[in-house]
PDB file of all heavy atoms in Angstrom:
ATOM      1  N   GLY A   1       0.773  -1.231   0.000  1.00  0.00           N
ATOM      2  CA  GLY A   1       0.000   0.000   0.000  1.00  0.00           C
ATOM      3  C   GLY A   1       0.808   1.286   0.000  1.00  0.00           C
ATOM      4  O   GLY A   1       0.228   2.374   0.070  1.00  0.00           O
ATOM      5  N   THR A   2       2.103   1.172  -0.097  1.00  0.00           N
ATOM      6  CA  THR A   2       2.943   2.369  -0.144  1.00  0.00           C
ATOM      7  C   THR A   2       2.830   3.014  -1.523  1.00  0.00           C
ATOM      8  O   THR A   2       3.001   2.344  -2.536  1.00  0.00           O
ATOM      9  CB  THR A   2       4.402   2.022   0.145  1.00  0.00           C
ATOM     10  OG1 THR A   2       4.492   1.420   1.443  1.00  0.00           O
ATOM     11  CG2 THR A   2       5.268   3.277   0.119  1.00  0.00           C
ATOM     12  N   THR A   3       2.542   4.308  -1.530  1.00  0.00           N
ATOM     13  CA  THR A   3       2.346   5.018  -2.791  1.00  0.00           C
ATOM     14  C   THR A   3       3.432   6.065  -3.015  1.00  0.00           C
ATOM     15  O   THR A   3       4.053   6.556  -2.068  1.00  0.00           O
ATOM     16  CB  THR A   3       0.972   5.697  -2.827  1.00  0.00           C
ATOM     17  OG1 THR A   3       0.877   6.628  -1.741  1.00  0.00           O
ATOM     18  CG2 THR A   3      -0.149   4.680  -2.715  1.00  0.00           C
ATOM     19  N   ASP A   4       3.595   6.408  -4.278  1.00  0.00           N
ATOM     20  CA  ASP A   4       4.546   7.462  -4.652  1.00  0.00           C
ATOM     21  C   ASP A   4       4.025   8.113  -5.921  1.00  0.00           C
ATOM     22  O   ASP A   4       3.363   7.451  -6.744  1.00  0.00           O
ATOM     23  CB  ASP A   4       5.935   6.884  -4.878  1.00  0.00           C
ATOM     24  CG  ASP A   4       7.014   7.956  -4.881  1.00  0.00           C
ATOM     25  OD1 ASP A   4       6.741   9.075  -4.403  1.00  0.00           O
ATOM     26  OD2 ASP A   4       8.128   7.682  -5.371  1.00  0.00           O
ATOM     27  N   TYR A   5       4.322   9.417  -6.078  1.00  0.00           N
ATOM     28  CA  TYR A   5       3.793  10.176  -7.194  1.00  0.00           C
ATOM     29  C   TYR A   5       4.858  11.071  -7.819  1.00  0.00           C
ATOM     30  O   TYR A   5       5.763  11.569  -7.131  1.00  0.00           O
ATOM     31  CB  TYR A   5       2.635  11.074  -6.733  1.00  0.00           C
ATOM     32  CG  TYR A   5       1.464  10.310  -6.184  1.00  0.00           C
ATOM     33  CD1 TYR A   5       1.370  10.039  -4.826  1.00  0.00           C
ATOM     34  CD2 TYR A   5       0.450   9.850  -7.025  1.00  0.00           C
ATOM     35  CE1 TYR A   5       0.302   9.318  -4.310  1.00  0.00           C
ATOM     36  CE2 TYR A   5      -0.623   9.137  -6.517  1.00  0.00           C
ATOM     37  CZ  TYR A   5      -0.684   8.875  -5.169  1.00  0.00           C
ATOM     38  OH  TYR A   5      -1.750   8.160  -4.661  1.00  0.00           O
ATOM     39  N   GLU A   6       4.727  11.257  -9.101  1.00  0.00           N
ATOM     40  CA  GLU A   6       5.533  12.253  -9.800  1.00  0.00           C
ATOM     41  C   GLU A   6       5.091  13.622  -9.323  1.00  0.00           C
ATOM     42  O   GLU A   6       3.911  13.854  -9.039  1.00  0.00           O
ATOM     43  CB  GLU A   6       5.340  12.065 -11.301  1.00  0.00           C
ATOM     44  CG  GLU A   6       6.331  12.810 -12.176  1.00  0.00           C
ATOM     45  CD  GLU A   6       5.854  14.187 -12.533  1.00  0.00           C
ATOM     46  OE1 GLU A   6       4.628  14.378 -12.639  1.00  0.00           O
ATOM     47  OE2 GLU A   6       6.712  15.090 -12.663  1.00  0.00           O
ATOM     48  N   ASP A   7       6.030  14.554  -9.228  1.00  0.00           N
ATOM     49  CA  ASP A   7       5.748  15.838  -8.598  1.00  0.00           C
ATOM     50  C   ASP A   7       4.572  16.578  -9.235  1.00  0.00           C
ATOM     51  O   ASP A   7       3.760  17.201  -8.527  1.00  0.00           O
ATOM     52  CB  ASP A   7       6.989  16.733  -8.641  1.00  0.00           C
ATOM     53  CG  ASP A   7       8.044  16.318  -7.636  1.00  0.00           C
ATOM     54  OD1 ASP A   7       7.717  15.520  -6.727  1.00  0.00           O
ATOM     55  OD2 ASP A   7       9.189  16.774  -7.755  1.00  0.00           O
ATOM     56  N   SER A   8       4.443  16.533 -10.536  1.00  0.00           N
ATOM     57  CA  SER A   8       3.418  17.343 -11.196  1.00  0.00           C
ATOM     58  C   SER A   8       1.992  16.839 -10.944  1.00  0.00           C
ATOM     59  O   SER A   8       1.029  17.559 -11.226  1.00  0.00           O
ATOM     60  CB  SER A   8       3.679  17.392 -12.708  1.00  0.00           C
ATOM     61  OG  SER A   8       3.432  16.137 -13.308  1.00  0.00           O
ATOM     62  N   VAL A   9       1.846  15.631 -10.420  1.00  0.00           N
ATOM     63  CA  VAL A   9       0.499  15.092 -10.179  1.00  0.00           C
ATOM     64  C   VAL A   9       0.169  14.979  -8.702  1.00  0.00           C
ATOM     65  O   VAL A   9      -0.949  14.612  -8.347  1.00  0.00           O
ATOM     66  CB  VAL A   9       0.307  13.719 -10.868  1.00  0.00           C
ATOM     67  CG1 VAL A   9       0.685  13.792 -12.348  1.00  0.00           C
ATOM     68  CG2 VAL A   9       1.089  12.626 -10.163  1.00  0.00           C
ATOM     69  N   LYS A  10       1.139  15.280  -7.847  1.00  0.00           N
ATOM     70  CA  LYS A  10       0.887  15.180  -6.408  1.00  0.00           C
ATOM     71  C   LYS A  10      -0.265  16.104  -6.019  1.00  0.00           C
ATOM     72  O   LYS A  10      -0.323  17.261  -6.422  1.00  0.00           O
ATOM     73  CB  LYS A  10       2.151  15.558  -5.630  1.00  0.00           C
ATOM     74  CG  LYS A  10       3.208  14.474  -5.620  1.00  0.00           C
ATOM     75  CD  LYS A  10       4.424  14.887  -4.804  1.00  0.00           C
ATOM     76  CE  LYS A  10       5.473  13.787  -4.808  1.00  0.00           C
ATOM     77  NZ  LYS A  10       6.708  14.186  -4.101  1.00  0.00           N
ATOM     78  N   GLY A  11      -1.184  15.562  -5.227  1.00  0.00           N
ATOM     79  CA  GLY A  11      -2.343  16.336  -4.805  1.00  0.00           C
ATOM     80  C   GLY A  11      -3.491  16.298  -5.789  1.00  0.00           C
ATOM     81  O   GLY A  11      -4.594  16.744  -5.468  1.00  0.00           O
ATOM     82  N   ARG A  12      -3.239  15.804  -6.998  1.00  0.00           N
ATOM     83  CA  ARG A  12      -4.301  15.726  -8.010  1.00  0.00           C
ATOM     84  C   ARG A  12      -4.657  14.281  -8.367  1.00  0.00           C
ATOM     85  O   ARG A  12      -5.812  13.980  -8.657  1.00  0.00           O
ATOM     86  CB  ARG A  12      -3.867  16.454  -9.284  1.00  0.00           C
ATOM     87  CG  ARG A  12      -3.572  17.932  -9.094  1.00  0.00           C
ATOM     88  CD  ARG A  12      -3.370  18.647 -10.425  1.00  0.00           C
ATOM     89  NE  ARG A  12      -2.252  18.127 -11.191  1.00  0.00           N
ATOM     90  CZ  ARG A  12      -2.347  17.648 -12.435  1.00  0.00           C
ATOM     91  NH1 ARG A  12      -3.517  17.611 -13.045  1.00  0.00           N
ATOM     92  NH2 ARG A  12      -1.268  17.211 -13.064  1.00  0.00           N
ATOM     93  N   PHE A  13      -3.672  13.418  -8.391  1.00  0.00           N
ATOM     94  CA  PHE A  13      -3.869  12.012  -8.767  1.00  0.00           C
ATOM     95  C   PHE A  13      -3.760  11.121  -7.531  1.00  0.00           C
ATOM     96  O   PHE A  13      -2.949  11.391  -6.639  1.00  0.00           O
ATOM     97  CB  PHE A  13      -2.826  11.558  -9.772  1.00  0.00           C
ATOM     98  CG  PHE A  13      -2.941  12.159 -11.155  1.00  0.00           C
ATOM     99  CD1 PHE A  13      -3.798  13.223 -11.422  1.00  0.00           C
ATOM    100  CD2 PHE A  13      -2.186  11.648 -12.196  1.00  0.00           C
ATOM    101  CE1 PHE A  13      -3.898  13.765 -12.691  1.00  0.00           C
ATOM    102  CE2 PHE A  13      -2.275  12.177 -13.474  1.00  0.00           C
ATOM    103  CZ  PHE A  13      -3.125  13.239 -13.725  1.00  0.00           C
ATOM    104  N   THR A  14      -4.545  10.047  -7.524  1.00  0.00           N
ATOM    105  CA  THR A  14      -4.480   9.077  -6.446  1.00  0.00           C
ATOM    106  C   THR A  14      -4.473   7.673  -7.032  1.00  0.00           C
ATOM    107  O   THR A  14      -5.371   7.319  -7.806  1.00  0.00           O
ATOM    108  CB  THR A  14      -5.669   9.216  -5.489  1.00  0.00           C
ATOM    109  OG1 THR A  14      -5.709  10.549  -4.966  1.00  0.00           O
ATOM    110  CG2 THR A  14      -5.553   8.231  -4.336  1.00  0.00           C
ATOM    111  N   ILE A  15      -3.473   6.900  -6.652  1.00  0.00           N
ATOM    112  CA  ILE A  15      -3.400   5.498  -7.075  1.00  0.00           C
ATOM    113  C   ILE A  15      -3.939   4.638  -5.945  1.00  0.00           C
ATOM    114  O   ILE A  15      -3.685   4.910  -4.762  1.00  0.00           O
ATOM    115  CB  ILE A  15      -1.956   5.101  -7.454  1.00  0.00           C
ATOM    116  CG1 ILE A  15      -1.927   3.708  -8.098  1.00  0.00           C
ATOM    117  CG2 ILE A  15      -1.012   5.193  -6.266  1.00  0.00           C
ATOM    118  CD1 ILE A  15      -0.576   3.350  -8.709  1.00  0.00           C
ATOM    119  N   SER A  16      -4.690   3.613  -6.315  1.00  0.00           N
ATOM    120  CA  SER A  16      -5.277   2.762  -5.280  1.00  0.00           C
ATOM    121  C   SER A  16      -5.515   1.368  -5.828  1.00  0.00           C
ATOM    122  O   SER A  16      -5.408   1.122  -7.032  1.00  0.00           O
ATOM    123  CB  SER A  16      -6.596   3.360  -4.780  1.00  0.00           C
ATOM    124  OG  SER A  16      -7.553   3.407  -5.827  1.00  0.00           O
ATOM    125  N   ARG A  17      -5.859   0.483  -4.900  1.00  0.00           N
ATOM    126  CA  ARG A  17      -6.192  -0.886  -5.269  1.00  0.00           C
ATOM    127  C   ARG A  17      -7.510  -1.234  -4.615  1.00  0.00           C
ATOM    128  O   ARG A  17      -7.730  -0.955  -3.432  1.00  0.00           O
ATOM    129  CB  ARG A  17      -5.109  -1.854  -4.814  1.00  0.00           C
ATOM    130  CG  ARG A  17      -5.393  -3.308  -5.177  1.00  0.00           C
ATOM    131  CD  ARG A  17      -4.282  -4.211  -4.685  1.00  0.00           C
ATOM    132  NE  ARG A  17      -4.462  -5.581  -5.137  1.00  0.00           N
ATOM    133  CZ  ARG A  17      -3.587  -6.572  -4.878  1.00  0.00           C
ATOM    134  NH1 ARG A  17      -2.494  -6.310  -4.194  1.00  0.00           N
ATOM    135  NH2 ARG A  17      -3.817  -7.776  -5.316  1.00  0.00           N
ATOM    136  N   ASP A  18      -8.371  -1.874  -5.375  1.00  0.00           N
ATOM    137  CA  ASP A  18      -9.649  -2.324  -4.853  1.00  0.00           C
ATOM    138  C   ASP A  18      -9.900  -3.716  -5.410  1.00  0.00           C
ATOM    139  O   ASP A  18      -9.737  -3.930  -6.606  1.00  0.00           O
ATOM    140  CB  ASP A  18     -10.764  -1.369  -5.288  1.00  0.00           C
ATOM    141  CG  ASP A  18     -12.104  -1.772  -4.721  1.00  0.00           C
ATOM    142  OD1 ASP A  18     -12.130  -2.463  -3.682  1.00  0.00           O
ATOM    143  OD2 ASP A  18     -13.135  -1.403  -5.308  1.00  0.00           O
ATOM    144  N   LYS A  19     -10.214  -4.637  -4.570  1.00  0.00           N
ATOM    145  CA  LYS A  19     -10.347  -6.046  -4.946  1.00  0.00           C
ATOM    146  C   LYS A  19      -8.952  -6.605  -5.224  1.00  0.00           C
ATOM    147  O   LYS A  19      -7.963  -5.885  -5.285  1.00  0.00           O
ATOM    148  CB  LYS A  19     -11.244  -6.223  -6.179  1.00  0.00           C
ATOM    149  CG  LYS A  19     -12.598  -5.564  -6.075  1.00  0.00           C
ATOM    150  CD  LYS A  19     -13.364  -5.706  -7.372  1.00  0.00           C
ATOM    151  CE  LYS A  19     -14.644  -4.921  -7.335  1.00  0.00           C
ATOM    152  NZ  LYS A  19     -15.365  -4.980  -8.632  1.00  0.00           N
ATOM    153  N   ALA A  20      -8.910  -7.864  -5.443  1.00  0.00           N
ATOM    154  CA  ALA A  20      -7.607  -8.518  -5.573  1.00  0.00           C
ATOM    155  C   ALA A  20      -6.934  -8.188  -6.892  1.00  0.00           C
ATOM    156  O   ALA A  20      -5.709  -8.259  -6.995  1.00  0.00           O
ATOM    157  CB  ALA A  20      -7.771 -10.023  -5.450  1.00  0.00           C
ATOM    158  N   ASN A  21      -7.738  -7.826  -7.925  1.00  0.00           N
ATOM    159  CA  ASN A  21      -7.140  -7.734  -9.249  1.00  0.00           C
ATOM    160  C   ASN A  21      -7.340  -6.394  -9.924  1.00  0.00           C
ATOM    161  O   ASN A  21      -7.163  -6.283 -11.130  1.00  0.00           O
ATOM    162  CB  ASN A  21      -7.729  -8.819 -10.158  1.00  0.00           C
ATOM    163  CG  ASN A  21      -9.194  -8.585 -10.454  1.00  0.00           C
ATOM    164  OD1 ASN A  21      -9.889  -7.930  -9.680  1.00  0.00           O
ATOM    165  ND2 ASN A  21      -9.678  -9.112 -11.563  1.00  0.00           N
ATOM    166  N   SER A  22      -7.731  -5.353  -9.190  1.00  0.00           N
ATOM    167  CA  SER A  22      -8.031  -4.073  -9.821  1.00  0.00           C
ATOM    168  C   SER A  22      -7.270  -2.938  -9.155  1.00  0.00           C
ATOM    169  O   SER A  22      -7.289  -2.795  -7.928  1.00  0.00           O
ATOM    170  CB  SER A  22      -9.529  -3.782  -9.753  1.00  0.00           C
ATOM    171  OG  SER A  22     -10.269  -4.780 -10.422  1.00  0.00           O
ATOM    172  N   TRP A  23      -6.647  -2.146  -9.983  1.00  0.00           N
ATOM    173  CA  TRP A  23      -5.948  -0.953  -9.535  1.00  0.00           C
ATOM    174  C   TRP A  23      -6.542   0.247 -10.276  1.00  0.00           C
ATOM    175  O   TRP A  23      -7.063   0.098 -11.388  1.00  0.00           O
ATOM    176  CB  TRP A  23      -4.458  -1.050  -9.853  1.00  0.00           C
ATOM    177  CG  TRP A  23      -3.706  -1.977  -8.961  1.00  0.00           C
ATOM    178  CD1 TRP A  23      -2.913  -1.646  -7.893  1.00  0.00           C
ATOM    179  CD2 TRP A  23      -3.639  -3.417  -9.067  1.00  0.00           C
ATOM    180  NE1 TRP A  23      -2.374  -2.774  -7.334  1.00  0.00           N
ATOM    181  CE2 TRP A  23      -2.786  -3.865  -8.029  1.00  0.00           C
ATOM    182  CE3 TRP A  23      -4.200  -4.348  -9.929  1.00  0.00           C
ATOM    183  CZ2 TRP A  23      -2.495  -5.221  -7.832  1.00  0.00           C
ATOM    184  CZ3 TRP A  23      -3.918  -5.687  -9.742  1.00  0.00           C
ATOM    185  CH2 TRP A  23      -3.078  -6.112  -8.698  1.00  0.00           C
ATOM    186  N   TYR A  24      -6.434   1.422  -9.656  1.00  0.00           N
ATOM    187  CA  TYR A  24      -7.064   2.612 -10.212  1.00  0.00           C
ATOM    188  C   TYR A  24      -6.116   3.809 -10.153  1.00  0.00           C
ATOM    189  O   TYR A  24      -5.211   3.864  -9.309  1.00  0.00           O
ATOM    190  CB  TYR A  24      -8.341   2.945  -9.434  1.00  0.00           C
ATOM    191  CG  TYR A  24      -9.321   1.808  -9.410  1.00  0.00           C
ATOM    192  CD1 TYR A  24      -9.354   0.929  -8.336  1.00  0.00           C
ATOM    193  CD2 TYR A  24     -10.202   1.594 -10.471  1.00  0.00           C
ATOM    194  CE1 TYR A  24     -10.235  -0.146  -8.318  1.00  0.00           C
ATOM    195  CE2 TYR A  24     -11.087   0.531 -10.455  1.00  0.00           C
ATOM    196  CZ  TYR A  24     -11.099  -0.339  -9.375  1.00  0.00           C
ATOM    197  OH  TYR A  24     -11.970  -1.397  -9.359  1.00  0.00           O
ATOM    198  N   LEU A  25      -6.363   4.726 -11.053  1.00  0.00           N
ATOM    199  CA  LEU A  25      -5.715   6.030 -10.986  1.00  0.00           C
ATOM    200  C   LEU A  25      -6.819   7.083 -11.082  1.00  0.00           C
ATOM    201  O   LEU A  25      -7.392   7.279 -12.158  1.00  0.00           O
ATOM    202  CB  LEU A  25      -4.696   6.213 -12.109  1.00  0.00           C
ATOM    203  CG  LEU A  25      -3.875   7.507 -12.026  1.00  0.00           C
ATOM    204  CD1 LEU A  25      -2.951   7.471 -10.802  1.00  0.00           C
ATOM    205  CD2 LEU A  25      -3.066   7.726 -13.296  1.00  0.00           C
ATOM    206  N   GLN A  26      -7.123   7.697  -9.946  1.00  0.00           N
ATOM    207  CA  GLN A  26      -8.112   8.771  -9.909  1.00  0.00           C
ATOM    208  C   GLN A  26      -7.387  10.064 -10.261  1.00  0.00           C
ATOM    209  O   GLN A  26      -6.419  10.436  -9.578  1.00  0.00           O
ATOM    210  CB  GLN A  26      -8.752   8.882  -8.532  1.00  0.00           C
ATOM    211  CG  GLN A  26      -9.741  10.026  -8.398  1.00  0.00           C
ATOM    212  CD  GLN A  26     -10.985   9.827  -9.242  1.00  0.00           C
ATOM    213  OE1 GLN A  26     -11.540   8.741  -9.283  1.00  0.00           O
ATOM    214  NE2 GLN A  26     -11.433  10.883  -9.904  1.00  0.00           N
ATOM    215  N   MET A  27      -7.854  10.722 -11.300  1.00  0.00           N
ATOM    216  CA  MET A  27      -7.194  11.943 -11.772  1.00  0.00           C
ATOM    217  C   MET A  27      -8.160  13.107 -11.665  1.00  0.00           C
ATOM    218  O   MET A  27      -9.209  13.117 -12.330  1.00  0.00           O
ATOM    219  CB  MET A  27      -6.734  11.763 -13.221  1.00  0.00           C
ATOM    220  CG  MET A  27      -5.865  10.527 -13.431  1.00  0.00           C
ATOM    221  SD  MET A  27      -5.182  10.426 -15.095  1.00  0.00           S
ATOM    222  CE  MET A  27      -6.676  10.229 -16.055  1.00  0.00           C
ATOM    223  N   ASN A  28      -7.835  14.065 -10.830  1.00  0.00           N
ATOM    224  CA  ASN A  28      -8.661  15.252 -10.623  1.00  0.00           C
ATOM    225  C   ASN A  28      -7.920  16.498 -11.097  1.00  0.00           C
ATOM    226  O   ASN A  28      -6.701  16.470 -11.284  1.00  0.00           O
ATOM    227  CB  ASN A  28      -9.012  15.391  -9.144  1.00  0.00           C
ATOM    228  CG  ASN A  28      -9.797  14.217  -8.608  1.00  0.00           C
ATOM    229  OD1 ASN A  28     -10.599  13.602  -9.316  1.00  0.00           O
ATOM    230  ND2 ASN A  28      -9.586  13.898  -7.342  1.00  0.00           N
ATOM    231  N   SER A  29      -8.662  17.559 -11.262  1.00  0.00           N
ATOM    232  CA  SER A  29      -8.078  18.845 -11.684  1.00  0.00           C
ATOM    233  C   SER A  29      -7.165  18.662 -12.895  1.00  0.00           C
ATOM    234  O   SER A  29      -6.027  19.139 -12.933  1.00  0.00           O
ATOM    235  CB  SER A  29      -7.288  19.467 -10.521  1.00  0.00           C
ATOM    236  OG  SER A  29      -8.109  19.662  -9.398  1.00  0.00           O
ATOM    237  N   LEU A  30      -7.677  17.966 -13.876  1.00  0.00           N
ATOM    238  CA  LEU A  30      -6.857  17.645 -15.039  1.00  0.00           C
ATOM    239  C   LEU A  30      -6.482  18.902 -15.814  1.00  0.00           C
ATOM    240  O   LEU A  30      -7.247  19.871 -15.891  1.00  0.00           O
ATOM    241  CB  LEU A  30      -7.597  16.660 -15.939  1.00  0.00           C
ATOM    242  CG  LEU A  30      -7.574  15.213 -15.428  1.00  0.00           C
ATOM    243  CD1 LEU A  30      -8.656  14.385 -16.088  1.00  0.00           C
ATOM    244  CD2 LEU A  30      -6.202  14.603 -15.673  1.00  0.00           C
ATOM    245  N   LYS A  31      -5.283  18.838 -16.390  1.00  0.00           N
ATOM    246  CA  LYS A  31      -4.731  19.936 -17.167  1.00  0.00           C
ATOM    247  C   LYS A  31      -4.437  19.446 -18.589  1.00  0.00           C
ATOM    248  O   LYS A  31      -4.210  18.247 -18.792  1.00  0.00           O
ATOM    249  CB  LYS A  31      -3.422  20.417 -16.531  1.00  0.00           C
ATOM    250  CG  LYS A  31      -3.546  20.824 -15.073  1.00  0.00           C
ATOM    251  CD  LYS A  31      -2.191  21.162 -14.492  1.00  0.00           C
ATOM    252  CE  LYS A  31      -2.290  21.547 -13.026  1.00  0.00           C
ATOM    253  NZ  LYS A  31      -0.975  21.885 -12.446  1.00  0.00           N
ATOM    254  N   PRO A  32      -4.401  20.346 -19.546  1.00  0.00           N
ATOM    255  CA  PRO A  32      -4.070  19.914 -20.920  1.00  0.00           C
ATOM    256  C   PRO A  32      -2.749  19.160 -20.995  1.00  0.00           C
ATOM    257  O   PRO A  32      -2.614  18.230 -21.805  1.00  0.00           O
ATOM    258  CB  PRO A  32      -4.018  21.233 -21.684  1.00  0.00           C
ATOM    259  CG  PRO A  32      -4.980  22.125 -20.957  1.00  0.00           C
ATOM    260  CD  PRO A  32      -4.815  21.764 -19.516  1.00  0.00           C
ATOM    261  N   GLU A  33      -1.805  19.514 -20.151  1.00  0.00           N
ATOM    262  CA  GLU A  33      -0.505  18.823 -20.167  1.00  0.00           C
ATOM    263  C   GLU A  33      -0.571  17.402 -19.619  1.00  0.00           C
ATOM    264  O   GLU A  33       0.420  16.664 -19.677  1.00  0.00           O
ATOM    265  CB  GLU A  33       0.555  19.629 -19.415  1.00  0.00           C
ATOM    266  CG  GLU A  33       0.159  20.054 -18.023  1.00  0.00           C
ATOM    267  CD  GLU A  33      -0.377  21.484 -17.992  1.00  0.00           C
ATOM    268  OE1 GLU A  33      -1.187  21.850 -18.876  1.00  0.00           O
ATOM    269  OE2 GLU A  33       0.004  22.218 -17.053  1.00  0.00           O
ATOM    270  N   ASP A  34      -1.722  17.001 -19.087  1.00  0.00           N
ATOM    271  CA  ASP A  34      -1.902  15.609 -18.665  1.00  0.00           C
ATOM    272  C   ASP A  34      -2.301  14.722 -19.845  1.00  0.00           C
ATOM    273  O   ASP A  34      -2.390  13.495 -19.685  1.00  0.00           O
ATOM    274  CB  ASP A  34      -2.977  15.510 -17.584  1.00  0.00           C
ATOM    275  CG  ASP A  34      -2.589  16.195 -16.289  1.00  0.00           C
ATOM    276  OD1 ASP A  34      -1.418  16.055 -15.867  1.00  0.00           O
ATOM    277  OD2 ASP A  34      -3.448  16.874 -15.688  1.00  0.00           O
ATOM    278  N   THR A  35      -2.545  15.317 -20.984  1.00  0.00           N
ATOM    279  CA  THR A  35      -2.908  14.545 -22.164  1.00  0.00           C
ATOM    280  C   THR A  35      -1.797  13.573 -22.530  1.00  0.00           C
ATOM    281  O   THR A  35      -0.642  13.962 -22.689  1.00  0.00           O
ATOM    282  CB  THR A  35      -3.188  15.477 -23.355  1.00  0.00           C
ATOM    283  OG1 THR A  35      -4.348  16.267 -23.063  1.00  0.00           O
ATOM    284  CG2 THR A  35      -3.422  14.683 -24.630  1.00  0.00           C
ATOM    285  N   ALA A  36      -2.152  12.287 -22.629  1.00  0.00           N
ATOM    286  CA  ALA A  36      -1.158  11.247 -22.907  1.00  0.00           C
ATOM    287  C   ALA A  36      -1.867   9.904 -23.013  1.00  0.00           C
ATOM    288  O   ALA A  36      -3.047   9.776 -22.672  1.00  0.00           O
ATOM    289  CB  ALA A  36      -0.125  11.181 -21.784  1.00  0.00           C
TER     290      ALA A  36
END
């Protein structure tokens, strides 16, 4: 459960795991530079 983030997404993105086989990336306050 230890998490780490790239500086530009800290406070906006959250990585998590739910259930045994699913991981998520919640992305808030998205910016055009997040396009990828």
